[in-house]
Amino acid sequence: MRLFLDDFRNPHHCLSYMDARIGPNHLVYALEWAVVRDYHGFVETVSQHHLEITTVSFDHDLSQEHYDNDLMTDNALLLKFYERQDREMTGYDCALWMRDFYLSKGLEPPEILVHSMNPMGTINIEQVFLSDGQPPTAEREGSHPDRK
């Protein structure tokens, strides 16, 4: 099962630009995917199907409030945004939750792709899975609502 997280795009929309990021493997976006549109749908799907999921492709911006050019270009502002308790959850939040979920089960996460057009969001999501189970920066520890 391939899982695609995005608030409005569908997997085939990524065919036009993901070749520059992942080369010929971008053709995976022409295959069948389960699509989820928000954090809650993501958590529900992963919780129920974690053993079946082989690939997850993340978007960062999952709500209209995420489409702020300053958040897309200034990582310091993006980190402050992550700390807000009244905000909509992003693909980054989904990535943190998924990493912790798989770690709690003693499982390796599936293949991770990031198709987001937000450059800072893309980097932050990628860092979640490159950090050996640790948050990418100390400032982010405790910023996730599901974290204790």
C-alpha atoms as a PDB file:
ATOM      1  CA  MET A   1       0.000   0.000   0.000  1.00  0.00           C
ATOM      2  CA  ARG A   2       1.293   3.442  -0.932  1.00  0.00           C
ATOM      3  CA  LEU A   3       0.005   6.384   1.145  1.00  0.00           C
ATOM      4  CA  PHE A   4      -0.172   9.910  -0.288  1.00  0.00           C
ATOM      5  CA  LEU A   5      -0.695  12.847   2.117  1.00  0.00           C
ATOM      6  CA  ASP A   6      -1.862  16.078   0.492  1.00  0.00           C
ATOM      7  CA  ASP A   7      -4.722  18.503   1.055  1.00  0.00           C
ATOM      8  CA  PHE A   8      -5.591  18.923  -2.631  1.00  0.00           C
ATOM      9  CA  ARG A   9      -3.148  17.245  -5.050  1.00  0.00           C
ATOM     10  CA  ASN A  10      -3.408  13.674  -6.242  1.00  0.00           C
ATOM     11  CA  PRO A  11      -0.378  11.468  -6.913  1.00  0.00           C
ATOM     12  CA  HIS A  12      -0.397  11.932 -10.696  1.00  0.00           C
ATOM     13  CA  HIS A  13       0.137  15.683 -10.199  1.00  0.00           C
ATOM     14  CA  CYS A  14       3.648  14.878  -8.916  1.00  0.00           C
ATOM     15  CA  LEU A  15       4.736  13.270 -12.177  1.00  0.00           C
ATOM     16  CA  SER A  16       5.557  16.684 -13.629  1.00  0.00           C
ATOM     17  CA  TYR A  17       8.168  17.679 -11.023  1.00  0.00           C
ATOM     18  CA  MET A  18       9.292  14.725  -8.909  1.00  0.00           C
ATOM     19  CA  ASP A  19      11.618  13.428 -11.631  1.00  0.00           C
ATOM     20  CA  ALA A  20      13.961  16.312 -10.727  1.00  0.00           C
ATOM     21  CA  ARG A  21      14.027  15.089  -7.094  1.00  0.00           C
ATOM     22  CA  ILE A  22      14.033  11.307  -7.388  1.00  0.00           C
ATOM     23  CA  GLY A  23      14.793  10.583 -11.039  1.00  0.00           C
ATOM     24  CA  PRO A  24      13.078   7.717 -12.858  1.00  0.00           C
ATOM     25  CA  ASN A  25      11.502   6.552  -9.606  1.00  0.00           C
ATOM     26  CA  HIS A  26       9.049   9.449  -9.999  1.00  0.00           C
ATOM     27  CA  LEU A  27       6.949   7.053 -12.070  1.00  0.00           C
ATOM     28  CA  VAL A  28       5.747   5.574  -8.776  1.00  0.00           C
ATOM     29  CA  TYR A  29       3.270   8.490  -8.786  1.00  0.00           C
ATOM     30  CA  ALA A  30       1.490   6.905 -11.765  1.00  0.00           C
ATOM     31  CA  LEU A  31       0.620   3.848  -9.644  1.00  0.00           C
ATOM     32  CA  GLU A  32      -2.293   3.368  -7.254  1.00  0.00           C
ATOM     33  CA  TRP A  33      -2.141   5.238  -3.930  1.00  0.00           C
ATOM     34  CA  ALA A  34      -4.397   5.611  -0.907  1.00  0.00           C
ATOM     35  CA  VAL A  35      -4.911   9.368  -0.466  1.00  0.00           C
ATOM     36  CA  VAL A  36      -5.389  11.138   2.867  1.00  0.00           C
ATOM     37  CA  ARG A  37      -6.006  14.873   3.170  1.00  0.00           C
ATOM     38  CA  ASP A  38      -5.172  15.800   6.771  1.00  0.00           C
ATOM     39  CA  TYR A  39      -3.418  14.812  10.001  1.00  0.00           C
ATOM     40  CA  HIS A  40      -6.366  12.909  11.451  1.00  0.00           C
ATOM     41  CA  GLY A  41      -6.924  10.854   8.308  1.00  0.00           C
ATOM     42  CA  PHE A  42      -3.199  10.142   8.193  1.00  0.00           C
ATOM     43  CA  VAL A  43      -3.044   8.924  11.805  1.00  0.00           C
ATOM     44  CA  GLU A  44      -6.122   6.744  11.327  1.00  0.00           C
ATOM     45  CA  THR A  45      -4.819   5.170   8.111  1.00  0.00           C
ATOM     46  CA  VAL A  46      -1.307   4.508   9.404  1.00  0.00           C
ATOM     47  CA  SER A  47      -2.649   3.108  12.678  1.00  0.00           C
ATOM     48  CA  GLN A  48      -4.874   0.650  10.836  1.00  0.00           C
ATOM     49  CA  HIS A  49      -2.563  -0.269   7.934  1.00  0.00           C
ATOM     50  CA  HIS A  50       1.019   0.227   9.173  1.00  0.00           C
ATOM     51  CA  LEU A  51       2.024  -3.325   8.270  1.00  0.00           C
ATOM     52  CA  GLU A  52       0.730  -2.914   4.700  1.00  0.00           C
ATOM     53  CA  ILE A  53       2.235   0.505   3.925  1.00  0.00           C
ATOM     54  CA  THR A  54       5.331   0.324   1.726  1.00  0.00           C
ATOM     55  CA  THR A  55       5.723   3.999   0.740  1.00  0.00           C
ATOM     56  CA  VAL A  56       4.507   7.326   2.127  1.00  0.00           C
ATOM     57  CA  SER A  57       4.669  10.566   0.175  1.00  0.00           C
ATOM     58  CA  PHE A  58       4.320  13.741   2.262  1.00  0.00           C
ATOM     59  CA  ASP A  59       3.054  17.209   1.523  1.00  0.00           C
ATOM     60  CA  HIS A  60       3.880  19.772   4.207  1.00  0.00           C
ATOM     61  CA  ASP A  61       1.119  22.352   3.831  1.00  0.00           C
ATOM     62  CA  LEU A  62      -2.220  20.745   4.667  1.00  0.00           C
ATOM     63  CA  SER A  63      -4.317  23.832   5.351  1.00  0.00           C
ATOM     64  CA  GLN A  64      -4.810  27.289   3.863  1.00  0.00           C
ATOM     65  CA  GLU A  65      -2.988  28.832   6.836  1.00  0.00           C
ATOM     66  CA  HIS A  66       0.181  26.972   5.776  1.00  0.00           C
ATOM     67  CA  TYR A  67       0.364  28.781   2.425  1.00  0.00           C
ATOM     68  CA  ASP A  68       2.342  31.753   3.741  1.00  0.00           C
ATOM     69  CA  ASN A  69       5.414  32.630   1.662  1.00  0.00           C
ATOM     70  CA  ASP A  70       7.360  33.623   4.784  1.00  0.00           C
ATOM     71  CA  LEU A  71       6.802  30.170   6.304  1.00  0.00           C
ATOM     72  CA  MET A  72       8.058  28.609   3.082  1.00  0.00           C
ATOM     73  CA  THR A  73      11.336  30.538   3.047  1.00  0.00           C
ATOM     74  CA  ASP A  74      12.230  31.303   6.666  1.00  0.00           C
ATOM     75  CA  ASN A  75      12.907  28.264   8.852  1.00  0.00           C
ATOM     76  CA  ALA A  76      12.998  30.355  12.054  1.00  0.00           C
ATOM     77  CA  LEU A  77       9.432  31.504  11.382  1.00  0.00           C
ATOM     78  CA  LEU A  78       8.420  27.954  10.528  1.00  0.00           C
ATOM     79  CA  LEU A  79       9.830  26.686  13.840  1.00  0.00           C
ATOM     80  CA  LYS A  80       7.814  29.343  15.702  1.00  0.00           C
ATOM     81  CA  PHE A  81       4.738  28.288  13.735  1.00  0.00           C
ATOM     82  CA  TYR A  82       5.256  24.661  14.855  1.00  0.00           C
ATOM     83  CA  GLU A  83       5.120  25.828  18.481  1.00  0.00           C
ATOM     84  CA  ARG A  84       1.651  27.374  18.173  1.00  0.00           C
ATOM     85  CA  GLN A  85      -0.999  25.237  19.857  1.00  0.00           C
ATOM     86  CA  ASP A  86      -3.919  26.665  17.841  1.00  0.00           C
ATOM     87  CA  ARG A  87      -2.594  25.807  14.386  1.00  0.00           C
ATOM     88  CA  GLU A  88      -3.627  23.195  11.860  1.00  0.00           C
ATOM     89  CA  MET A  89      -1.355  20.163  11.745  1.00  0.00           C
ATOM     90  CA  THR A  90       1.187  19.941   8.912  1.00  0.00           C
ATOM     91  CA  GLY A  91       2.887  17.106   7.063  1.00  0.00           C
ATOM     92  CA  TYR A  92       5.770  17.643   9.476  1.00  0.00           C
ATOM     93  CA  ASP A  93       3.454  16.764  12.367  1.00  0.00           C
ATOM     94  CA  CYS A  94       2.385  13.648  10.471  1.00  0.00           C
ATOM     95  CA  ALA A  95       6.029  12.696   9.933  1.00  0.00           C
ATOM     96  CA  LEU A  96       6.842  13.123  13.650  1.00  0.00           C
ATOM     97  CA  TRP A  97       3.824  11.066  14.645  1.00  0.00           C
ATOM     98  CA  MET A  98       4.614   8.324  12.126  1.00  0.00           C
ATOM     99  CA  ARG A  99       8.274   8.115  13.152  1.00  0.00           C
ATOM    100  CA  ASP A 100       7.290   7.756  16.809  1.00  0.00           C
ATOM    101  CA  PHE A 101       4.538   5.260  15.988  1.00  0.00           C
ATOM    102  CA  TYR A 102       6.870   2.964  14.070  1.00  0.00           C
ATOM    103  CA  LEU A 103       9.594   3.296  16.721  1.00  0.00           C
ATOM    104  CA  SER A 104       7.092   2.367  19.444  1.00  0.00           C
ATOM    105  CA  LYS A 105       6.267  -0.805  17.516  1.00  0.00           C
ATOM    106  CA  GLY A 106       9.943  -1.642  16.912  1.00  0.00           C
ATOM    107  CA  LEU A 107       9.388  -1.353  13.144  1.00  0.00           C
ATOM    108  CA  GLU A 108      11.288   0.392  10.391  1.00  0.00           C
ATOM    109  CA  PRO A 109       9.210   3.085   8.687  1.00  0.00           C
ATOM    110  CA  PRO A 110       8.241   2.570   5.058  1.00  0.00           C
ATOM    111  CA  GLU A 111      10.010   4.304   2.173  1.00  0.00           C
ATOM    112  CA  ILE A 112       9.624   8.073   2.583  1.00  0.00           C
ATOM    113  CA  LEU A 113       9.090  10.545  -0.245  1.00  0.00           C
ATOM    114  CA  VAL A 114       8.353  14.250   0.112  1.00  0.00           C
ATOM    115  CA  HIS A 115       6.467  15.870  -2.750  1.00  0.00           C
ATOM    116  CA  SER A 116       5.795  19.181  -0.974  1.00  0.00           C
ATOM    117  CA  MET A 117       6.433  22.406  -2.880  1.00  0.00           C
ATOM    118  CA  ASN A 118       7.427  24.097   0.403  1.00  0.00           C
ATOM    119  CA  PRO A 119      11.254  23.958   0.504  1.00  0.00           C
ATOM    120  CA  MET A 120      11.586  24.442   4.294  1.00  0.00           C
ATOM    121  CA  GLY A 121       8.782  21.976   4.980  1.00  0.00           C
ATOM    122  CA  THR A 122      10.421  19.420   2.678  1.00  0.00           C
ATOM    123  CA  ILE A 123      13.750  19.714   4.487  1.00  0.00           C
ATOM    124  CA  ASN A 124      12.107  19.442   7.908  1.00  0.00           C
ATOM    125  CA  ILE A 125      10.120  16.317   6.963  1.00  0.00           C
ATOM    126  CA  GLU A 126      13.196  14.678   5.462  1.00  0.00           C
ATOM    127  CA  GLN A 127      15.181  15.460   8.620  1.00  0.00           C
ATOM    128  CA  VAL A 128      12.630  13.625  10.781  1.00  0.00           C
ATOM    129  CA  PHE A 129      13.611  10.367   9.124  1.00  0.00           C
ATOM    130  CA  LEU A 130      17.344  11.107   9.016  1.00  0.00           C
ATOM    131  CA  SER A 131      17.647  11.841  12.721  1.00  0.00           C
ATOM    132  CA  ASP A 132      17.731   8.318  14.231  1.00  0.00           C
ATOM    133  CA  GLY A 133      14.599   8.912  16.263  1.00  0.00           C
ATOM    134  CA  GLN A 134      15.645  12.296  17.609  1.00  0.00           C
ATOM    135  CA  PRO A 135      13.991  15.595  16.716  1.00  0.00           C
ATOM    136  CA  PRO A 136      15.951  17.517  14.070  1.00  0.00           C
ATOM    137  CA  THR A 137      16.585  20.414  16.475  1.00  0.00           C
ATOM    138  CA  ALA A 138      16.249  20.883  20.208  1.00  0.00           C
ATOM    139  CA  GLU A 139      13.741  23.709  19.689  1.00  0.00           C
ATOM    140  CA  ARG A 140      11.232  21.221  18.290  1.00  0.00           C
ATOM    141  CA  GLU A 141      11.245  18.904  21.293  1.00  0.00           C
ATOM    142  CA  GLY A 142       7.870  19.167  22.967  1.00  0.00           C
ATOM    143  CA  SER A 143       6.357  21.234  20.150  1.00  0.00           C
ATOM    144  CA  HIS A 144       4.258  18.353  18.883  1.00  0.00           C
ATOM    145  CA  PRO A 145       0.844  18.036  20.574  1.00  0.00           C
ATOM    146  CA  ASP A 146       1.061  14.235  20.758  1.00  0.00           C
ATOM    147  CA  ARG A 147       4.459  14.332  22.472  1.00  0.00           C
ATOM    148  CA  LYS A 148       4.679  13.901  26.206  1.00  0.00           C
END
